[in-house]
């Protein structure tokens, strides 16, 4: 056996892990296995995304991994619309809720306005700040 450390983003490891998780957890998780979600925002006339939301469904929950919009696309309801669309997708996929994390200087008040509640805090992540874990259970 050998162990190889890699800092490459694209390796065959993700495929191996997803297949292994599906095989091991499938009998318990059932049809709510892993499925990616990408919501991309494009400025008119541009081919590259300006921002968006990235997450995945697993075990009947949507996990929002990254959500970012450039400053000039904030505060006009676009962020709320993206999150609503992600939640609508999750409901259609059979999810019972959504969870995410945000750092202390980021968007906790925004998520609270969207109905998310705090369920955990990791202090000193990074040092001097906190990482907040938030969730929203769908009705």
C-alpha atoms as a PDB file:
ATOM      1  CA  UNK A   1       0.000   0.000   0.000  1.00  0.00           C
ATOM      2  CA  UNK A   2       1.062   3.566  -0.564  1.00  0.00           C
ATOM      3  CA  UNK A   3      -0.503   6.886   0.343  1.00  0.00           C
ATOM      4  CA  UNK A   4      -0.143   9.821  -2.019  1.00  0.00           C
ATOM      5  CA  UNK A   5      -0.794  13.420  -0.994  1.00  0.00           C
ATOM      6  CA  UNK A   6      -2.097  15.611  -3.796  1.00  0.00           C
ATOM      7  CA  UNK A   7      -3.163  19.236  -3.886  1.00  0.00           C
ATOM      8  CA  UNK A   8      -4.660  18.807  -7.357  1.00  0.00           C
ATOM      9  CA  UNK A   9      -8.351  19.620  -7.614  1.00  0.00           C
ATOM     10  CA  UNK A  10      -9.019  17.148 -10.409  1.00  0.00           C
ATOM     11  CA  UNK A  11      -8.075  13.613  -9.399  1.00  0.00           C
ATOM     12  CA  UNK A  12      -9.879  10.265  -9.773  1.00  0.00           C
ATOM     13  CA  UNK A  13     -10.374  10.237  -5.989  1.00  0.00           C
ATOM     14  CA  UNK A  14     -13.770  12.017  -6.091  1.00  0.00           C
ATOM     15  CA  UNK A  15     -15.243   9.313  -8.330  1.00  0.00           C
ATOM     16  CA  UNK A  16     -13.902   6.560  -6.066  1.00  0.00           C
ATOM     17  CA  UNK A  17     -15.268   8.242  -2.931  1.00  0.00           C
ATOM     18  CA  UNK A  18     -18.717   8.937  -4.408  1.00  0.00           C
ATOM     19  CA  UNK A  19     -18.998   5.337  -5.636  1.00  0.00           C
ATOM     20  CA  UNK A  20     -17.844   4.016  -2.259  1.00  0.00           C
ATOM     21  CA  UNK A  21     -20.252   6.236  -0.317  1.00  0.00           C
ATOM     22  CA  UNK A  22     -23.125   5.253  -2.609  1.00  0.00           C
ATOM     23  CA  UNK A  23     -22.398   1.546  -2.172  1.00  0.00           C
ATOM     24  CA  UNK A  24     -21.925   1.769   1.603  1.00  0.00           C
ATOM     25  CA  UNK A  25     -24.677   4.285   2.428  1.00  0.00           C
ATOM     26  CA  UNK A  26     -27.170   3.375  -0.307  1.00  0.00           C
ATOM     27  CA  UNK A  27     -29.088   0.783   1.731  1.00  0.00           C
ATOM     28  CA  UNK A  28     -29.766   3.434   4.410  1.00  0.00           C
ATOM     29  CA  UNK A  29     -29.908   6.633   2.339  1.00  0.00           C
ATOM     30  CA  UNK A  30     -31.971   5.121  -0.455  1.00  0.00           C
ATOM     31  CA  UNK A  31     -32.864   7.270  -3.473  1.00  0.00           C
ATOM     32  CA  UNK A  32     -31.552  10.458  -1.881  1.00  0.00           C
ATOM     33  CA  UNK A  33     -27.971   9.897  -2.987  1.00  0.00           C
ATOM     34  CA  UNK A  34     -25.474  12.517  -4.013  1.00  0.00           C
ATOM     35  CA  UNK A  35     -26.479  14.848  -6.862  1.00  0.00           C
ATOM     36  CA  UNK A  36     -24.740  18.138  -7.756  1.00  0.00           C
ATOM     37  CA  UNK A  37     -26.452  21.531  -8.084  1.00  0.00           C
ATOM     38  CA  UNK A  38     -24.972  24.536  -9.889  1.00  0.00           C
ATOM     39  CA  UNK A  39     -26.837  27.847 -10.301  1.00  0.00           C
ATOM     40  CA  UNK A  40     -24.806  30.210 -12.438  1.00  0.00           C
ATOM     41  CA  UNK A  41     -25.430  33.931 -12.951  1.00  0.00           C
ATOM     42  CA  UNK A  42     -24.372  35.424 -16.287  1.00  0.00           C
ATOM     43  CA  UNK A  43     -24.300  39.099 -17.135  1.00  0.00           C
ATOM     44  CA  UNK A  44     -26.099  39.883 -20.388  1.00  0.00           C
ATOM     45  CA  UNK A  45     -23.837  39.223 -23.346  1.00  0.00           C
ATOM     46  CA  UNK A  46     -21.157  37.408 -21.332  1.00  0.00           C
ATOM     47  CA  UNK A  47     -20.212  33.734 -21.588  1.00  0.00           C
ATOM     48  CA  UNK A  48     -18.432  33.351 -18.244  1.00  0.00           C
ATOM     49  CA  UNK A  49     -20.427  33.134 -15.016  1.00  0.00           C
ATOM     50  CA  UNK A  50     -20.261  36.237 -12.806  1.00  0.00           C
ATOM     51  CA  UNK A  51     -21.224  34.327  -9.666  1.00  0.00           C
ATOM     52  CA  UNK A  52     -23.673  31.771  -8.372  1.00  0.00           C
ATOM     53  CA  UNK A  53     -24.379  28.922  -5.998  1.00  0.00           C
ATOM     54  CA  UNK A  54     -22.821  25.468  -5.820  1.00  0.00           C
ATOM     55  CA  UNK A  55     -23.988  22.582  -3.688  1.00  0.00           C
ATOM     56  CA  UNK A  56     -25.283  19.042  -3.716  1.00  0.00           C
ATOM     57  CA  UNK A  57     -28.125  16.881  -2.511  1.00  0.00           C
ATOM     58  CA  UNK A  58     -27.264  14.038  -0.183  1.00  0.00           C
ATOM     59  CA  UNK A  59     -29.286  12.073   2.351  1.00  0.00           C
ATOM     60  CA  UNK A  60     -32.394  14.199   1.711  1.00  0.00           C
ATOM     61  CA  UNK A  61     -30.616  17.507   2.431  1.00  0.00           C
ATOM     62  CA  UNK A  62     -29.250  20.206   0.174  1.00  0.00           C
ATOM     63  CA  UNK A  63     -25.749  21.253   1.236  1.00  0.00           C
ATOM     64  CA  UNK A  64     -24.807  24.678  -0.106  1.00  0.00           C
ATOM     65  CA  UNK A  65     -21.028  24.586  -0.455  1.00  0.00           C
ATOM     66  CA  UNK A  66     -20.346  27.981  -2.033  1.00  0.00           C
ATOM     67  CA  UNK A  67     -22.540  30.993  -2.741  1.00  0.00           C
ATOM     68  CA  UNK A  68     -21.074  34.229  -4.023  1.00  0.00           C
ATOM     69  CA  UNK A  69     -22.105  37.261  -6.044  1.00  0.00           C
ATOM     70  CA  UNK A  70     -19.918  40.231  -6.970  1.00  0.00           C
ATOM     71  CA  UNK A  71     -20.676  43.419  -5.052  1.00  0.00           C
ATOM     72  CA  UNK A  72     -22.498  45.073  -7.968  1.00  0.00           C
ATOM     73  CA  UNK A  73     -24.999  42.162  -8.150  1.00  0.00           C
ATOM     74  CA  UNK A  74     -25.940  42.265  -4.457  1.00  0.00           C
ATOM     75  CA  UNK A  75     -28.804  43.969  -2.615  1.00  0.00           C
ATOM     76  CA  UNK A  76     -31.317  43.804  -5.471  1.00  0.00           C
ATOM     77  CA  UNK A  77     -32.850  40.451  -4.547  1.00  0.00           C
ATOM     78  CA  UNK A  78     -30.666  38.279  -6.790  1.00  0.00           C
ATOM     79  CA  UNK A  79     -29.117  36.441  -3.832  1.00  0.00           C
ATOM     80  CA  UNK A  80     -32.545  35.699  -2.367  1.00  0.00           C
ATOM     81  CA  UNK A  81     -33.711  34.504  -5.786  1.00  0.00           C
ATOM     82  CA  UNK A  82     -30.737  32.153  -6.175  1.00  0.00           C
ATOM     83  CA  UNK A  83     -31.266  30.683  -2.727  1.00  0.00           C
ATOM     84  CA  UNK A  84     -35.008  30.290  -3.384  1.00  0.00           C
ATOM     85  CA  UNK A  85     -34.289  28.488  -6.661  1.00  0.00           C
ATOM     86  CA  UNK A  86     -31.834  26.171  -4.915  1.00  0.00           C
ATOM     87  CA  UNK A  87     -34.438  25.422  -2.232  1.00  0.00           C
ATOM     88  CA  UNK A  88     -37.122  24.806  -4.888  1.00  0.00           C
ATOM     89  CA  UNK A  89     -34.772  22.381  -6.635  1.00  0.00           C
ATOM     90  CA  UNK A  90     -34.087  20.645  -3.318  1.00  0.00           C
ATOM     91  CA  UNK A  91     -37.799  20.271  -2.552  1.00  0.00           C
ATOM     92  CA  UNK A  92     -38.388  18.798  -6.020  1.00  0.00           C
ATOM     93  CA  UNK A  93     -35.529  16.358  -5.307  1.00  0.00           C
ATOM     94  CA  UNK A  94     -37.251  15.219  -2.092  1.00  0.00           C
ATOM     95  CA  UNK A  95     -35.029  17.085   0.349  1.00  0.00           C
ATOM     96  CA  UNK A  96     -36.285  17.903   3.828  1.00  0.00           C
ATOM     97  CA  UNK A  97     -34.077  20.985   4.204  1.00  0.00           C
ATOM     98  CA  UNK A  98     -30.907  22.874   3.382  1.00  0.00           C
ATOM     99  CA  UNK A  99     -27.735  23.525   5.366  1.00  0.00           C
ATOM    100  CA  UNK A 100     -24.668  25.681   4.837  1.00  0.00           C
ATOM    101  CA  UNK A 101     -21.905  27.487   6.658  1.00  0.00           C
ATOM    102  CA  UNK A 102     -20.861  31.111   6.672  1.00  0.00           C
ATOM    103  CA  UNK A 103     -18.006  32.965   8.323  1.00  0.00           C
ATOM    104  CA  UNK A 104     -18.545  35.635  10.994  1.00  0.00           C
ATOM    105  CA  UNK A 105     -17.862  38.547   8.617  1.00  0.00           C
ATOM    106  CA  UNK A 106     -19.973  37.127   5.812  1.00  0.00           C
ATOM    107  CA  UNK A 107     -23.715  36.592   5.379  1.00  0.00           C
ATOM    108  CA  UNK A 108     -25.261  35.267   8.601  1.00  0.00           C
ATOM    109  CA  UNK A 109     -27.884  38.086   8.737  1.00  0.00           C
ATOM    110  CA  UNK A 110     -28.805  37.426   5.088  1.00  0.00           C
ATOM    111  CA  UNK A 111     -29.400  33.729   5.783  1.00  0.00           C
ATOM    112  CA  UNK A 112     -31.387  34.493   8.939  1.00  0.00           C
ATOM    113  CA  UNK A 113     -33.680  36.738   6.839  1.00  0.00           C
ATOM    114  CA  UNK A 114     -34.187  33.756   4.534  1.00  0.00           C
ATOM    115  CA  UNK A 115     -35.350  31.590   7.467  1.00  0.00           C
ATOM    116  CA  UNK A 116     -32.088  29.831   8.360  1.00  0.00           C
ATOM    117  CA  UNK A 117     -31.238  29.088  11.988  1.00  0.00           C
ATOM    118  CA  UNK A 118     -27.926  28.485  13.694  1.00  0.00           C
ATOM    119  CA  UNK A 119     -27.148  24.896  14.713  1.00  0.00           C
ATOM    120  CA  UNK A 120     -23.436  25.119  15.399  1.00  0.00           C
ATOM    121  CA  UNK A 121     -20.374  27.308  15.658  1.00  0.00           C
ATOM    122  CA  UNK A 122     -16.722  26.520  15.062  1.00  0.00           C
ATOM    123  CA  UNK A 123     -14.597  29.141  16.843  1.00  0.00           C
ATOM    124  CA  UNK A 124     -11.229  30.276  15.481  1.00  0.00           C
ATOM    125  CA  UNK A 125     -12.102  29.333  11.911  1.00  0.00           C
ATOM    126  CA  UNK A 126     -10.041  31.266  10.911  1.00  0.00           C
ATOM    127  CA  UNK A 127      -8.380  32.419  14.160  1.00  0.00           C
ATOM    128  CA  UNK A 128     -10.234  35.372  15.652  1.00  0.00           C
ATOM    129  CA  UNK A 129     -13.452  34.551  13.770  1.00  0.00           C
ATOM    130  CA  UNK A 130     -16.160  31.896  13.782  1.00  0.00           C
ATOM    131  CA  UNK A 131     -17.725  29.601  11.207  1.00  0.00           C
ATOM    132  CA  UNK A 132     -21.512  29.395  11.657  1.00  0.00           C
ATOM    133  CA  UNK A 133     -23.455  26.325  10.579  1.00  0.00           C
ATOM    134  CA  UNK A 134     -27.019  27.129   9.591  1.00  0.00           C
ATOM    135  CA  UNK A 135     -30.034  25.127   8.434  1.00  0.00           C
ATOM    136  CA  UNK A 136     -33.533  25.570   7.113  1.00  0.00           C
ATOM    137  CA  UNK A 137     -36.043  22.755   7.345  1.00  0.00           C
ATOM    138  CA  UNK A 138     -38.677  22.824   4.629  1.00  0.00           C
ATOM    139  CA  UNK A 139     -42.338  22.693   5.606  1.00  0.00           C
END
